[in-house]
Amino acid sequence: MLATFHADNQYHLDLGSTVNVGRGWLEGSNYDHLLVSLPYPYGPNLETCVINQDLTVRYLWLLPINADENRYLKEAGLEALEQRFDDAEIDALDPNRPSVV
């Protein structure tokens, strides 16, 4: 699904983009959106891979967020939402983590 969105110029995904997946990312989870984000827990060395002088690959990851966090992202911006994630020290892989908004 995400590869199709990314390949379509109308829906091209980039840092800060979100996708509503229509259901929780895991059964029973309220986190039904995916945020394209930097892989902060792993540091900048994971983000960029230089293959050669003509080819660099950028790795971003998909962070599950809920509808309220998505609304906050649209209102306050990516930096503000990510600051809330940092302040709350979220476990991004916990399908039932507390919401930061």
C-alpha atoms as a PDB file:
ATOM      1  CA  MET A   1       0.000   0.000   0.000  1.00  0.00           C
ATOM      2  CA  LEU A   2       2.719   2.478   0.960  1.00  0.00           C
ATOM      3  CA  ALA A   3       4.847   1.721  -2.078  1.00  0.00           C
ATOM      4  CA  THR A   4       1.825   2.499  -4.266  1.00  0.00           C
ATOM      5  CA  PHE A   5       1.220   5.828  -2.485  1.00  0.00           C
ATOM      6  CA  HIS A   6       4.875   6.768  -2.724  1.00  0.00           C
ATOM      7  CA  ALA A   7       5.035   5.976  -6.449  1.00  0.00           C
ATOM      8  CA  ASP A   8       2.023   8.227  -7.174  1.00  0.00           C
ATOM      9  CA  ASN A   9       3.010  11.895  -7.490  1.00  0.00           C
ATOM     10  CA  GLN A  10      -0.331  12.901  -5.957  1.00  0.00           C
ATOM     11  CA  TYR A  11       0.437  10.990  -2.732  1.00  0.00           C
ATOM     12  CA  HIS A  12       4.253  10.971  -2.718  1.00  0.00           C
ATOM     13  CA  LEU A  13       5.433  10.191   0.826  1.00  0.00           C
ATOM     14  CA  ASP A  14       8.239  12.084   2.545  1.00  0.00           C
ATOM     15  CA  LEU A  15       9.353  13.067   6.012  1.00  0.00           C
ATOM     16  CA  GLY A  16       6.261  14.160   7.965  1.00  0.00           C
ATOM     17  CA  SER A  17       3.738  12.475   5.658  1.00  0.00           C
ATOM     18  CA  THR A  18       1.000  10.371   7.203  1.00  0.00           C
ATOM     19  CA  VAL A  19      -1.153   7.575   5.860  1.00  0.00           C
ATOM     20  CA  ASN A  20      -4.489   6.539   7.373  1.00  0.00           C
ATOM     21  CA  VAL A  21      -4.440   2.750   7.176  1.00  0.00           C
ATOM     22  CA  GLY A  22      -8.100   2.469   8.182  1.00  0.00           C
ATOM     23  CA  ARG A  23      -7.525   0.180  11.176  1.00  0.00           C
ATOM     24  CA  GLY A  24      -5.020  -0.329  13.948  1.00  0.00           C
ATOM     25  CA  TRP A  25      -1.561  -1.384  12.819  1.00  0.00           C
ATOM     26  CA  LEU A  26      -1.987  -4.397  15.097  1.00  0.00           C
ATOM     27  CA  GLU A  27      -5.199  -6.014  16.247  1.00  0.00           C
ATOM     28  CA  GLY A  28      -6.696  -4.084  19.164  1.00  0.00           C
ATOM     29  CA  SER A  29      -4.499  -1.020  18.652  1.00  0.00           C
ATOM     30  CA  ASN A  30      -5.906   2.510  18.266  1.00  0.00           C
ATOM     31  CA  TYR A  31      -2.877   3.558  16.216  1.00  0.00           C
ATOM     32  CA  ASP A  32      -4.393   3.670  12.728  1.00  0.00           C
ATOM     33  CA  HIS A  33      -2.065   6.127  10.979  1.00  0.00           C
ATOM     34  CA  LEU A  34       1.576   5.764   9.970  1.00  0.00           C
ATOM     35  CA  LEU A  35       3.929   8.739  10.208  1.00  0.00           C
ATOM     36  CA  VAL A  36       6.976   8.849   7.948  1.00  0.00           C
ATOM     37  CA  SER A  37       9.723   9.835  10.373  1.00  0.00           C
ATOM     38  CA  LEU A  38      13.457   9.752  10.925  1.00  0.00           C
ATOM     39  CA  PRO A  39      14.708   6.607  12.666  1.00  0.00           C
ATOM     40  CA  TYR A  40      15.621   8.611  15.804  1.00  0.00           C
ATOM     41  CA  PRO A  41      16.205   5.667  18.153  1.00  0.00           C
ATOM     42  CA  TYR A  42      18.969   4.419  15.869  1.00  0.00           C
ATOM     43  CA  GLY A  43      20.734   7.702  15.163  1.00  0.00           C
ATOM     44  CA  PRO A  44      21.756   9.406  11.920  1.00  0.00           C
ATOM     45  CA  ASN A  45      24.029   6.565  10.831  1.00  0.00           C
ATOM     46  CA  LEU A  46      20.961   4.496   9.958  1.00  0.00           C
ATOM     47  CA  GLU A  47      19.263   7.305   8.040  1.00  0.00           C
ATOM     48  CA  THR A  48      21.797   7.668   5.231  1.00  0.00           C
ATOM     49  CA  CYS A  49      23.673   4.974   3.345  1.00  0.00           C
ATOM     50  CA  VAL A  50      26.124   6.118   0.700  1.00  0.00           C
ATOM     51  CA  ILE A  51      26.465   3.379  -1.903  1.00  0.00           C
ATOM     52  CA  ASN A  52      28.809   5.326  -4.163  1.00  0.00           C
ATOM     53  CA  GLN A  53      29.241   8.923  -5.334  1.00  0.00           C
ATOM     54  CA  ASP A  54      26.126   8.668  -7.504  1.00  0.00           C
ATOM     55  CA  LEU A  55      23.841   6.729  -5.176  1.00  0.00           C
ATOM     56  CA  THR A  56      22.743   7.547  -1.645  1.00  0.00           C
ATOM     57  CA  VAL A  57      19.856   5.752   0.048  1.00  0.00           C
ATOM     58  CA  ARG A  58      17.798   7.512   2.717  1.00  0.00           C
ATOM     59  CA  TYR A  59      16.061   5.314   5.269  1.00  0.00           C
ATOM     60  CA  LEU A  60      12.950   6.591   7.010  1.00  0.00           C
ATOM     61  CA  TRP A  61      10.671   4.577   9.203  1.00  0.00           C
ATOM     62  CA  LEU A  62       6.941   4.350   9.773  1.00  0.00           C
ATOM     63  CA  LEU A  63       5.806   5.302  13.253  1.00  0.00           C
ATOM     64  CA  PRO A  64       2.261   4.250  14.237  1.00  0.00           C
ATOM     65  CA  ILE A  65       0.242   7.219  15.516  1.00  0.00           C
ATOM     66  CA  ASN A  66      -3.420   7.710  16.373  1.00  0.00           C
ATOM     67  CA  ALA A  67      -5.963  10.135  14.903  1.00  0.00           C
ATOM     68  CA  ASP A  68      -5.459  12.687  17.721  1.00  0.00           C
ATOM     69  CA  GLU A  69      -1.689  12.681  17.205  1.00  0.00           C
ATOM     70  CA  ASN A  70      -2.252  13.068  13.461  1.00  0.00           C
ATOM     71  CA  ARG A  71      -4.485  16.113  14.075  1.00  0.00           C
ATOM     72  CA  TYR A  72      -1.844  17.586  16.396  1.00  0.00           C
ATOM     73  CA  LEU A  73       0.790  17.013  13.703  1.00  0.00           C
ATOM     74  CA  LYS A  74      -1.322  18.952  11.176  1.00  0.00           C
ATOM     75  CA  GLU A  75      -1.900  21.801  13.674  1.00  0.00           C
ATOM     76  CA  ALA A  76       1.472  22.128  15.434  1.00  0.00           C
ATOM     77  CA  GLY A  77       3.916  20.524  13.007  1.00  0.00           C
ATOM     78  CA  LEU A  78       6.292  17.588  12.973  1.00  0.00           C
ATOM     79  CA  GLU A  79       8.844  19.084  15.386  1.00  0.00           C
ATOM     80  CA  ALA A  80       6.168  19.683  18.040  1.00  0.00           C
ATOM     81  CA  LEU A  81       4.797  16.133  17.784  1.00  0.00           C
ATOM     82  CA  GLU A  82       8.252  14.569  17.862  1.00  0.00           C
ATOM     83  CA  GLN A  83       9.112  16.670  20.919  1.00  0.00           C
ATOM     84  CA  ARG A  84       6.077  15.195  22.663  1.00  0.00           C
ATOM     85  CA  PHE A  85       7.270  11.707  21.709  1.00  0.00           C
ATOM     86  CA  ASP A  86      10.698  12.503  23.180  1.00  0.00           C
ATOM     87  CA  ASP A  87       9.236  14.019  26.364  1.00  0.00           C
ATOM     88  CA  ALA A  88       6.986  10.984  26.894  1.00  0.00           C
ATOM     89  CA  GLU A  89       9.800   8.548  26.024  1.00  0.00           C
ATOM     90  CA  ILE A  90       7.359   6.479  23.976  1.00  0.00           C
ATOM     91  CA  ASP A  91       7.879   2.861  23.079  1.00  0.00           C
ATOM     92  CA  ALA A  92       7.143   3.128  19.356  1.00  0.00           C
ATOM     93  CA  LEU A  93       6.555  -0.614  19.065  1.00  0.00           C
ATOM     94  CA  ASP A  94       3.946  -0.780  21.838  1.00  0.00           C
ATOM     95  CA  PRO A  95       0.566  -1.072  20.066  1.00  0.00           C
ATOM     96  CA  ASN A  96      -1.184   0.252  23.192  1.00  0.00           C
ATOM     97  CA  ARG A  97       1.228   3.007  24.237  1.00  0.00           C
ATOM     98  CA  PRO A  98      -0.325   6.089  25.844  1.00  0.00           C
ATOM     99  CA  SER A  99      -1.155   8.881  23.416  1.00  0.00           C
ATOM    100  CA  VAL A 100       1.004  12.011  23.650  1.00  0.00           C
ATOM    101  CA  VAL A 101      -1.949  14.360  22.987  1.00  0.00           C
END
